[in-house]
Amino acid sequence: MKQITGDLLEKVRATSPLIHNITNFVVMNSTANILLAAGASPVMAHAPEEVEEMTGLADALVLNIGTLQSDWVVSMILAGKAANRKGIPVVLDPVGAGATKFRTDTVKHIMDEVDISVLRGNASEIFSLAWADIRTRGVDTSLAVTPDMIHDAKKLAVKLGCILAVSGPEDLVTDGRQVFQIANGHPLMTKVTGIGCGLSAVTGAFCARADGDLVSATAASLGYYGLCGDLAARVSRKPGGFFTAFLDTLYALSSQDIEGSLNVHPV
């Protein structure tokens, strides 16, 4: 995975894929800056009058329901169908799924209408789509990876027909067959609003340059992102300084850093 991660990062930096984000008000600025630091090109367009045309220009589409509104759901489905017609990856971040019926039903509705490539969220958000008794206690709720979680994630990935990227103290990526566990990442990443949403956008950028292997690209994006968190925490242990260091590390991460510290393994 170290070679794959390094190669994909180089492709993103060399080609600057355009990532169309229909994302929430809280994180638009940070998501754009995270994509720019990683080497991609962000665009934020959510009006139904233009989302199909914008998606037609993009290399990947990222949908994020953080500040959910009914009219945005229409835009997400229009853009998602345009992305499916074009054959570009679609990443869905089900922010807060399980917390309210509206959020959970909206994620299911989008997935009924759009072929989602990657569903990226924390464990409670993702598994709420399968089991109604799981409730999200906040957008940063997460669970540890266990053999039971791996088993359930594989089943759910097959049921939903997409890759699951489950974020937590350790991350899990599966398409129901392949499974990757990612041990990079730092607790300070949970102390800055928008870090998780930025990960979904970076996953879109890596998948845009995946040449078909979206599972490996998703695992590589989570490893890259978590490793940047590890290294940024060496610079600052306070949220404001950490985020600045994190952006700088996204921009400057080297192949030597990946070779020395990336912790992504098949399970």
C-alpha atoms as a PDB file:
ATOM      1  CA  MET A   1       0.000   0.000   0.000  1.00  0.00           C
ATOM      2  CA  LYS A   2       2.924   2.365   0.492  1.00  0.00           C
ATOM      3  CA  GLN A   3       3.724   2.341  -3.219  1.00  0.00           C
ATOM      4  CA  ILE A   4       0.056   2.722  -4.195  1.00  0.00           C
ATOM      5  CA  THR A   5      -0.411   5.624  -1.780  1.00  0.00           C
ATOM      6  CA  GLY A   6       2.695   7.414  -3.008  1.00  0.00           C
ATOM      7  CA  ASP A   7       1.767   6.908  -6.641  1.00  0.00           C
ATOM      8  CA  LEU A   8      -1.806   8.153  -6.169  1.00  0.00           C
ATOM      9  CA  LEU A   9      -0.641  11.219  -4.251  1.00  0.00           C
ATOM     10  CA  GLU A  10       1.776  12.040  -7.059  1.00  0.00           C
ATOM     11  CA  LYS A  11      -1.012  11.668  -9.638  1.00  0.00           C
ATOM     12  CA  VAL A  12      -3.289  13.983  -7.670  1.00  0.00           C
ATOM     13  CA  ARG A  13      -0.543  16.566  -7.305  1.00  0.00           C
ATOM     14  CA  ALA A  14       0.475  16.318 -10.963  1.00  0.00           C
ATOM     15  CA  THR A  15      -3.005  16.455 -12.489  1.00  0.00           C
ATOM     16  CA  SER A  16      -5.057  18.446  -9.928  1.00  0.00           C
ATOM     17  CA  PRO A  17      -8.406  16.633 -10.398  1.00  0.00           C
ATOM     18  CA  LEU A  18     -11.514  18.791 -10.119  1.00  0.00           C
ATOM     19  CA  ILE A  19     -13.624  17.662  -7.162  1.00  0.00           C
ATOM     20  CA  HIS A  20     -17.231  18.864  -7.125  1.00  0.00           C
ATOM     21  CA  ASN A  21     -18.459  19.157  -3.549  1.00  0.00           C
ATOM     22  CA  ILE A  22     -22.058  19.566  -2.487  1.00  0.00           C
ATOM     23  CA  THR A  23     -21.156  19.984   1.143  1.00  0.00           C
ATOM     24  CA  ASN A  24     -22.292  21.728   4.275  1.00  0.00           C
ATOM     25  CA  PHE A  25     -22.013  25.378   5.220  1.00  0.00           C
ATOM     26  CA  VAL A  26     -19.775  24.663   8.218  1.00  0.00           C
ATOM     27  CA  VAL A  27     -16.956  23.086   6.217  1.00  0.00           C
ATOM     28  CA  MET A  28     -16.930  24.634   2.737  1.00  0.00           C
ATOM     29  CA  ASN A  29     -13.848  26.744   3.400  1.00  0.00           C
ATOM     30  CA  SER A  30     -11.853  24.069   5.212  1.00  0.00           C
ATOM     31  CA  THR A  31     -12.754  21.429   2.623  1.00  0.00           C
ATOM     32  CA  ALA A  32     -11.571  23.668  -0.200  1.00  0.00           C
ATOM     33  CA  ASN A  33      -8.302  24.379   1.575  1.00  0.00           C
ATOM     34  CA  ILE A  34      -7.759  20.700   2.378  1.00  0.00           C
ATOM     35  CA  LEU A  35      -8.255  19.745  -1.274  1.00  0.00           C
ATOM     36  CA  LEU A  36      -5.920  22.501  -2.441  1.00  0.00           C
ATOM     37  CA  ALA A  37      -3.250  21.402   0.045  1.00  0.00           C
ATOM     38  CA  ALA A  38      -3.543  17.814  -1.167  1.00  0.00           C
ATOM     39  CA  GLY A  39      -3.093  18.952  -4.769  1.00  0.00           C
ATOM     40  CA  ALA A  40      -6.671  18.752  -6.041  1.00  0.00           C
ATOM     41  CA  SER A  41      -8.972  21.505  -7.322  1.00  0.00           C
ATOM     42  CA  PRO A  42     -12.186  22.152  -5.342  1.00  0.00           C
ATOM     43  CA  VAL A  43     -15.471  23.517  -6.596  1.00  0.00           C
ATOM     44  CA  MET A  44     -18.573  24.055  -4.456  1.00  0.00           C
ATOM     45  CA  ALA A  45     -21.826  24.273  -6.428  1.00  0.00           C
ATOM     46  CA  HIS A  46     -25.201  23.282  -5.051  1.00  0.00           C
ATOM     47  CA  ALA A  47     -27.854  25.101  -7.088  1.00  0.00           C
ATOM     48  CA  PRO A  48     -30.016  22.584  -8.981  1.00  0.00           C
ATOM     49  CA  GLU A  49     -29.767  24.819 -12.061  1.00  0.00           C
ATOM     50  CA  GLU A  50     -26.045  24.085 -12.440  1.00  0.00           C
ATOM     51  CA  VAL A  51     -25.044  20.939 -10.567  1.00  0.00           C
ATOM     52  CA  GLU A  52     -25.376  18.614 -13.560  1.00  0.00           C
ATOM     53  CA  GLU A  53     -23.271  20.885 -15.756  1.00  0.00           C
ATOM     54  CA  MET A  54     -20.657  21.307 -13.018  1.00  0.00           C
ATOM     55  CA  THR A  55     -20.485  17.573 -12.421  1.00  0.00           C
ATOM     56  CA  GLY A  56     -19.905  17.157 -16.140  1.00  0.00           C
ATOM     57  CA  LEU A  57     -16.660  19.096 -15.698  1.00  0.00           C
ATOM     58  CA  ALA A  58     -15.529  17.223 -12.582  1.00  0.00           C
ATOM     59  CA  ASP A  59     -13.336  14.191 -11.952  1.00  0.00           C
ATOM     60  CA  ALA A  60     -15.234  13.132  -8.810  1.00  0.00           C
ATOM     61  CA  LEU A  61     -18.342  14.135  -6.872  1.00  0.00           C
ATOM     62  CA  VAL A  62     -18.519  14.389  -3.072  1.00  0.00           C
ATOM     63  CA  LEU A  63     -21.909  14.618  -1.324  1.00  0.00           C
ATOM     64  CA  ASN A  64     -22.059  15.685   2.332  1.00  0.00           C
ATOM     65  CA  ILE A  65     -25.328  16.035   4.284  1.00  0.00           C
ATOM     66  CA  GLY A  66     -23.927  17.975   7.255  1.00  0.00           C
ATOM     67  CA  THR A  67     -26.293  20.957   7.056  1.00  0.00           C
ATOM     68  CA  LEU A  68     -29.126  19.122   5.389  1.00  0.00           C
ATOM     69  CA  GLN A  69     -31.877  20.908   3.458  1.00  0.00           C
ATOM     70  CA  SER A  70     -34.561  19.391   1.254  1.00  0.00           C
ATOM     71  CA  ASP A  71     -33.613  21.394  -1.831  1.00  0.00           C
ATOM     72  CA  TRP A  72     -30.005  20.235  -1.505  1.00  0.00           C
ATOM     73  CA  VAL A  73     -31.175  16.638  -1.655  1.00  0.00           C
ATOM     74  CA  VAL A  74     -32.616  17.374  -5.096  1.00  0.00           C
ATOM     75  CA  SER A  75     -29.272  18.849  -6.160  1.00  0.00           C
ATOM     76  CA  MET A  76     -27.342  15.874  -4.776  1.00  0.00           C
ATOM     77  CA  ILE A  77     -29.466  13.407  -6.730  1.00  0.00           C
ATOM     78  CA  LEU A  78     -29.225  15.448  -9.940  1.00  0.00           C
ATOM     79  CA  ALA A  79     -25.457  15.692  -9.560  1.00  0.00           C
ATOM     80  CA  GLY A  80     -25.141  12.030  -8.576  1.00  0.00           C
ATOM     81  CA  LYS A  81     -26.998  10.855 -11.636  1.00  0.00           C
ATOM     82  CA  ALA A  82     -24.836  13.105 -13.821  1.00  0.00           C
ATOM     83  CA  ALA A  83     -21.736  11.595 -12.212  1.00  0.00           C
ATOM     84  CA  ASN A  84     -23.053   8.082 -12.862  1.00  0.00           C
ATOM     85  CA  ARG A  85     -23.649   8.930 -16.512  1.00  0.00           C
ATOM     86  CA  LYS A  86     -20.130  10.272 -16.805  1.00  0.00           C
ATOM     87  CA  GLY A  87     -18.629   7.325 -14.924  1.00  0.00           C
ATOM     88  CA  ILE A  88     -16.799   9.308 -12.238  1.00  0.00           C
ATOM     89  CA  PRO A  89     -16.578   8.290  -8.547  1.00  0.00           C
ATOM     90  CA  VAL A  90     -19.239   9.454  -6.099  1.00  0.00           C
ATOM     91  CA  VAL A  91     -18.368   9.708  -2.399  1.00  0.00           C
ATOM     92  CA  LEU A  92     -21.213  10.104   0.110  1.00  0.00           C
ATOM     93  CA  ASP A  93     -20.568  11.372   3.653  1.00  0.00           C
ATOM     94  CA  PRO A  94     -23.673  10.524   5.739  1.00  0.00           C
ATOM     95  CA  VAL A  95     -23.022  13.133   8.446  1.00  0.00           C
ATOM     96  CA  GLY A  96     -25.243  12.479  11.451  1.00  0.00           C
ATOM     97  CA  ALA A  97     -27.087   9.527   9.930  1.00  0.00           C
ATOM     98  CA  GLY A  98     -28.881   7.759  12.747  1.00  0.00           C
ATOM     99  CA  ALA A  99     -29.373  10.977  14.715  1.00  0.00           C
ATOM    100  CA  THR A 100     -32.668  11.880  13.034  1.00  0.00           C
ATOM    101  CA  LYS A 101     -35.108  10.096  10.764  1.00  0.00           C
ATOM    102  CA  PHE A 102     -34.704  12.836   8.143  1.00  0.00           C
ATOM    103  CA  ARG A 103     -30.955  12.261   7.883  1.00  0.00           C
ATOM    104  CA  THR A 104     -31.156   8.490   7.820  1.00  0.00           C
ATOM    105  CA  ASP A 105     -33.978   8.463   5.275  1.00  0.00           C
ATOM    106  CA  THR A 106     -32.143  11.009   3.110  1.00  0.00           C
ATOM    107  CA  VAL A 107     -29.013   8.859   2.918  1.00  0.00           C
ATOM    108  CA  LYS A 108     -31.108   5.843   1.954  1.00  0.00           C
ATOM    109  CA  HIS A 109     -32.977   7.900  -0.652  1.00  0.00           C
ATOM    110  CA  ILE A 110     -29.760   9.170  -2.231  1.00  0.00           C
ATOM    111  CA  MET A 111     -28.374   5.633  -2.316  1.00  0.00           C
ATOM    112  CA  ASP A 112     -31.567   4.375  -3.957  1.00  0.00           C
ATOM    113  CA  GLU A 113     -31.243   6.997  -6.705  1.00  0.00           C
ATOM    114  CA  VAL A 114     -27.465   7.204  -7.190  1.00  0.00           C
ATOM    115  CA  ASP A 115     -24.745   4.588  -7.584  1.00  0.00           C
ATOM    116  CA  ILE A 116     -22.435   5.494  -4.694  1.00  0.00           C
ATOM    117  CA  SER A 117     -18.790   4.493  -5.020  1.00  0.00           C
ATOM    118  CA  VAL A 118     -17.704   5.123  -1.420  1.00  0.00           C
ATOM    119  CA  LEU A 119     -19.746   5.647   1.733  1.00  0.00           C
ATOM    120  CA  ARG A 120     -17.413   7.366   4.217  1.00  0.00           C
ATOM    121  CA  GLY A 121     -18.387   8.087   7.798  1.00  0.00           C
ATOM    122  CA  ASN A 122     -17.928   6.940  11.351  1.00  0.00           C
ATOM    123  CA  ALA A 123     -19.195   3.574  12.527  1.00  0.00           C
ATOM    124  CA  SER A 124     -22.447   4.773  14.065  1.00  0.00           C
ATOM    125  CA  GLU A 125     -23.363   6.777  10.966  1.00  0.00           C
ATOM    126  CA  ILE A 126     -22.692   3.915   8.583  1.00  0.00           C
ATOM    127  CA  PHE A 127     -24.173   1.091  10.630  1.00  0.00           C
ATOM    128  CA  SER A 128     -27.304   3.129  11.377  1.00  0.00           C
ATOM    129  CA  LEU A 129     -28.215   2.397   7.762  1.00  0.00           C
ATOM    130  CA  ALA A 130     -28.464  -1.276   8.647  1.00  0.00           C
ATOM    131  CA  TRP A 131     -29.626  -1.326  12.256  1.00  0.00           C
ATOM    132  CA  ALA A 132     -32.200   1.158  13.519  1.00  0.00           C
ATOM    133  CA  ASP A 133     -31.137   0.795  17.177  1.00  0.00           C
ATOM    134  CA  ILE A 134     -27.760   2.449  16.470  1.00  0.00           C
ATOM    135  CA  ARG A 135     -28.044   6.149  17.232  1.00  0.00           C
ATOM    136  CA  THR A 136     -25.460   8.790  16.414  1.00  0.00           C
ATOM    137  CA  ARG A 137     -24.523  10.761  19.519  1.00  0.00           C
ATOM    138  CA  GLY A 138     -22.738  13.443  17.478  1.00  0.00           C
ATOM    139  CA  VAL A 139     -20.856  13.726  14.242  1.00  0.00           C
ATOM    140  CA  ASP A 140     -17.606  12.518  15.824  1.00  0.00           C
ATOM    141  CA  THR A 141     -18.991   9.308  17.362  1.00  0.00           C
ATOM    142  CA  SER A 142     -16.781   6.317  16.552  1.00  0.00           C
ATOM    143  CA  LEU A 143     -16.240   2.711  17.542  1.00  0.00           C
ATOM    144  CA  ALA A 144     -13.139   0.543  17.674  1.00  0.00           C
ATOM    145  CA  VAL A 145     -12.481  -1.982  14.902  1.00  0.00           C
ATOM    146  CA  THR A 146     -13.279  -5.531  16.046  1.00  0.00           C
ATOM    147  CA  PRO A 147     -13.656  -8.850  14.212  1.00  0.00           C
ATOM    148  CA  ASP A 148     -17.429  -8.458  14.536  1.00  0.00           C
ATOM    149  CA  MET A 149     -17.264  -4.985  12.965  1.00  0.00           C
ATOM    150  CA  ILE A 150     -15.203  -6.324  10.073  1.00  0.00           C
ATOM    151  CA  HIS A 151     -17.752  -9.102   9.525  1.00  0.00           C
ATOM    152  CA  ASP A 152     -20.683  -6.689   9.675  1.00  0.00           C
ATOM    153  CA  ALA A 153     -18.974  -4.121   7.452  1.00  0.00           C
ATOM    154  CA  LYS A 154     -18.296  -6.717   4.772  1.00  0.00           C
ATOM    155  CA  LYS A 155     -21.949  -7.799   4.816  1.00  0.00           C
ATOM    156  CA  LEU A 156     -23.181  -4.226   4.674  1.00  0.00           C
ATOM    157  CA  ALA A 157     -20.828  -3.310   1.817  1.00  0.00           C
ATOM    158  CA  VAL A 158     -22.261  -6.159  -0.236  1.00  0.00           C
ATOM    159  CA  LYS A 159     -25.815  -5.199   0.693  1.00  0.00           C
ATOM    160  CA  LEU A 160     -25.299  -1.537  -0.238  1.00  0.00           C
ATOM    161  CA  GLY A 161     -23.158  -2.310  -3.278  1.00  0.00           C
ATOM    162  CA  CYS A 162     -20.413   0.165  -2.438  1.00  0.00           C
ATOM    163  CA  ILE A 163     -17.135   0.574  -0.605  1.00  0.00           C
ATOM    164  CA  LEU A 164     -17.408   1.388   3.081  1.00  0.00           C
ATOM    165  CA  ALA A 165     -14.784   3.639   4.661  1.00  0.00           C
ATOM    166  CA  VAL A 166     -15.408   3.546   8.404  1.00  0.00           C
ATOM    167  CA  SER A 167     -13.467   6.146  10.388  1.00  0.00           C
ATOM    168  CA  GLY A 168     -12.540   5.723  14.047  1.00  0.00           C
ATOM    169  CA  PRO A 169      -9.564   5.184  16.350  1.00  0.00           C
ATOM    170  CA  GLU A 170      -8.511   2.845  13.563  1.00  0.00           C
ATOM    171  CA  ASP A 171     -10.124   3.029  10.126  1.00  0.00           C
ATOM    172  CA  LEU A 172     -11.653   0.212   8.116  1.00  0.00           C
ATOM    173  CA  VAL A 173     -12.169   0.010   4.348  1.00  0.00           C
ATOM    174  CA  THR A 174     -14.009  -2.822   2.600  1.00  0.00           C
ATOM    175  CA  ASP A 175     -15.989  -3.605  -0.516  1.00  0.00           C
ATOM    176  CA  GLY A 176     -17.219  -6.871   1.013  1.00  0.00           C
ATOM    177  CA  ARG A 177     -14.264  -8.853  -0.264  1.00  0.00           C
ATOM    178  CA  GLN A 178     -11.078  -6.904   0.328  1.00  0.00           C
ATOM    179  CA  VAL A 179     -10.549  -5.390   3.760  1.00  0.00           C
ATOM    180  CA  PHE A 180      -7.961  -2.814   4.812  1.00  0.00           C
ATOM    181  CA  GLN A 181      -7.259  -1.559   8.318  1.00  0.00           C
ATOM    182  CA  ILE A 182      -5.614   1.838   8.781  1.00  0.00           C
ATOM    183  CA  ALA A 183      -3.834   2.682  12.026  1.00  0.00           C
ATOM    184  CA  ASN A 184      -2.650   6.183  11.106  1.00  0.00           C
ATOM    185  CA  GLY A 185      -4.406   9.187  12.638  1.00  0.00           C
ATOM    186  CA  HIS A 186      -4.314  11.301  15.805  1.00  0.00           C
ATOM    187  CA  PRO A 187      -6.999  12.224  18.398  1.00  0.00           C
ATOM    188  CA  LEU A 188      -6.494  15.930  17.652  1.00  0.00           C
ATOM    189  CA  MET A 189      -8.171  15.302  14.305  1.00  0.00           C
ATOM    190  CA  THR A 190     -11.468  15.082  16.208  1.00  0.00           C
ATOM    191  CA  LYS A 191     -10.942  18.525  17.763  1.00  0.00           C
ATOM    192  CA  VAL A 192     -11.194  20.539  14.536  1.00  0.00           C
ATOM    193  CA  THR A 193     -14.544  20.906  12.791  1.00  0.00           C
ATOM    194  CA  GLY A 194     -14.419  19.721   9.206  1.00  0.00           C
ATOM    195  CA  ILE A 195     -11.468  17.334   9.367  1.00  0.00           C
ATOM    196  CA  GLY A 196     -13.728  14.336   8.684  1.00  0.00           C
ATOM    197  CA  CYS A 197     -15.561  16.113   5.883  1.00  0.00           C
ATOM    198  CA  GLY A 198     -12.201  16.974   4.363  1.00  0.00           C
ATOM    199  CA  LEU A 199     -11.311  13.287   4.388  1.00  0.00           C
ATOM    200  CA  SER A 200     -14.350  12.503   2.253  1.00  0.00           C
ATOM    201  CA  ALA A 201     -13.196  15.130  -0.252  1.00  0.00           C
ATOM    202  CA  VAL A 202      -9.641  13.771  -0.331  1.00  0.00           C
ATOM    203  CA  THR A 203     -11.071  10.277  -0.820  1.00  0.00           C
ATOM    204  CA  GLY A 204     -12.834  11.658  -3.880  1.00  0.00           C
ATOM    205  CA  ALA A 205      -9.547  13.072  -5.174  1.00  0.00           C
ATOM    206  CA  PHE A 206      -7.707   9.774  -4.738  1.00  0.00           C
ATOM    207  CA  CYS A 207     -10.559   7.816  -6.328  1.00  0.00           C
ATOM    208  CA  ALA A 208     -10.507  10.234  -9.273  1.00  0.00           C
ATOM    209  CA  ARG A 209      -7.009   8.948 -10.074  1.00  0.00           C
ATOM    210  CA  ALA A 210      -7.529   5.313  -9.086  1.00  0.00           C
ATOM    211  CA  ASP A 211      -7.616   3.731 -12.561  1.00  0.00           C
ATOM    212  CA  GLY A 212     -10.466   1.494 -11.421  1.00  0.00           C
ATOM    213  CA  ASP A 213      -9.084   0.204  -8.095  1.00  0.00           C
ATOM    214  CA  LEU A 214     -11.298   2.270  -5.831  1.00  0.00           C
ATOM    215  CA  VAL A 215     -10.835   0.040  -2.785  1.00  0.00           C
ATOM    216  CA  SER A 216      -7.072   0.543  -2.699  1.00  0.00           C
ATOM    217  CA  ALA A 217      -7.489   4.235  -3.506  1.00  0.00           C
ATOM    218  CA  THR A 218      -9.914   4.671  -0.605  1.00  0.00           C
ATOM    219  CA  ALA A 219      -7.580   2.889   1.821  1.00  0.00           C
ATOM    220  CA  ALA A 220      -4.657   4.945   0.501  1.00  0.00           C
ATOM    221  CA  SER A 221      -6.539   8.210   1.020  1.00  0.00           C
ATOM    222  CA  LEU A 222      -7.349   7.332   4.622  1.00  0.00           C
ATOM    223  CA  GLY A 223      -3.753   6.304   5.255  1.00  0.00           C
ATOM    224  CA  TYR A 224      -2.364   9.500   3.720  1.00  0.00           C
ATOM    225  CA  TYR A 225      -4.799  11.653   5.655  1.00  0.00           C
ATOM    226  CA  GLY A 226      -4.193   9.914   8.966  1.00  0.00           C
ATOM    227  CA  LEU A 227      -0.438  10.031   8.508  1.00  0.00           C
ATOM    228  CA  CYS A 228      -0.656  13.781   7.951  1.00  0.00           C
ATOM    229  CA  GLY A 229      -2.513  13.977  11.259  1.00  0.00           C
ATOM    230  CA  ASP A 230       0.220  11.975  12.987  1.00  0.00           C
ATOM    231  CA  LEU A 231       2.942  14.262  11.689  1.00  0.00           C
ATOM    232  CA  ALA A 232       1.017  17.495  12.315  1.00  0.00           C
ATOM    233  CA  ALA A 233       0.578  16.529  15.964  1.00  0.00           C
ATOM    234  CA  ARG A 234       4.358  16.587  16.311  1.00  0.00           C
ATOM    235  CA  VAL A 235       4.262  20.278  15.400  1.00  0.00           C
ATOM    236  CA  SER A 236       1.322  21.410  17.551  1.00  0.00           C
ATOM    237  CA  ARG A 237      -0.814  19.817  20.263  1.00  0.00           C
ATOM    238  CA  LYS A 238      -3.409  22.616  20.199  1.00  0.00           C
ATOM    239  CA  PRO A 239      -6.329  22.605  17.724  1.00  0.00           C
ATOM    240  CA  GLY A 240      -5.565  25.893  15.947  1.00  0.00           C
ATOM    241  CA  GLY A 241      -1.897  25.217  15.434  1.00  0.00           C
ATOM    242  CA  PHE A 242      -2.632  21.592  14.628  1.00  0.00           C
ATOM    243  CA  PHE A 243      -4.933  22.490  11.751  1.00  0.00           C
ATOM    244  CA  THR A 244      -2.339  24.814  10.245  1.00  0.00           C
ATOM    245  CA  ALA A 245       0.305  22.115  10.587  1.00  0.00           C
ATOM    246  CA  PHE A 246      -2.117  19.572   9.138  1.00  0.00           C
ATOM    247  CA  LEU A 247      -2.688  21.647   5.984  1.00  0.00           C
ATOM    248  CA  ASP A 248       1.056  22.138   5.620  1.00  0.00           C
ATOM    249  CA  THR A 249       1.635  18.397   5.975  1.00  0.00           C
ATOM    250  CA  LEU A 250      -1.043  17.539   3.407  1.00  0.00           C
ATOM    251  CA  TYR A 251       0.858  19.828   1.042  1.00  0.00           C
ATOM    252  CA  ALA A 252       4.383  18.654   1.865  1.00  0.00           C
ATOM    253  CA  LEU A 253       4.086  14.942   2.723  1.00  0.00           C
ATOM    254  CA  SER A 254       6.942  13.103   1.041  1.00  0.00           C
ATOM    255  CA  SER A 255       7.448   9.610  -0.290  1.00  0.00           C
ATOM    256  CA  GLN A 256       9.939   9.125   2.549  1.00  0.00           C
ATOM    257  CA  ASP A 257       7.209   9.935   5.085  1.00  0.00           C
ATOM    258  CA  ILE A 258       4.915   7.388   3.442  1.00  0.00           C
ATOM    259  CA  GLU A 259       7.613   4.735   3.297  1.00  0.00           C
ATOM    260  CA  GLY A 260       8.571   5.267   6.921  1.00  0.00           C
ATOM    261  CA  SER A 261       5.239   5.727   8.690  1.00  0.00           C
ATOM    262  CA  LEU A 262       2.201   4.665   6.617  1.00  0.00           C
ATOM    263  CA  ASN A 263       0.247   2.004   8.528  1.00  0.00           C
ATOM    264  CA  VAL A 264      -2.280   0.494   6.115  1.00  0.00           C
ATOM    265  CA  HIS A 265      -2.639  -3.271   5.983  1.00  0.00           C
ATOM    266  CA  PRO A 266      -4.943  -5.844   4.382  1.00  0.00           C
ATOM    267  CA  VAL A 267      -6.926  -7.897   6.904  1.00  0.00           C
END
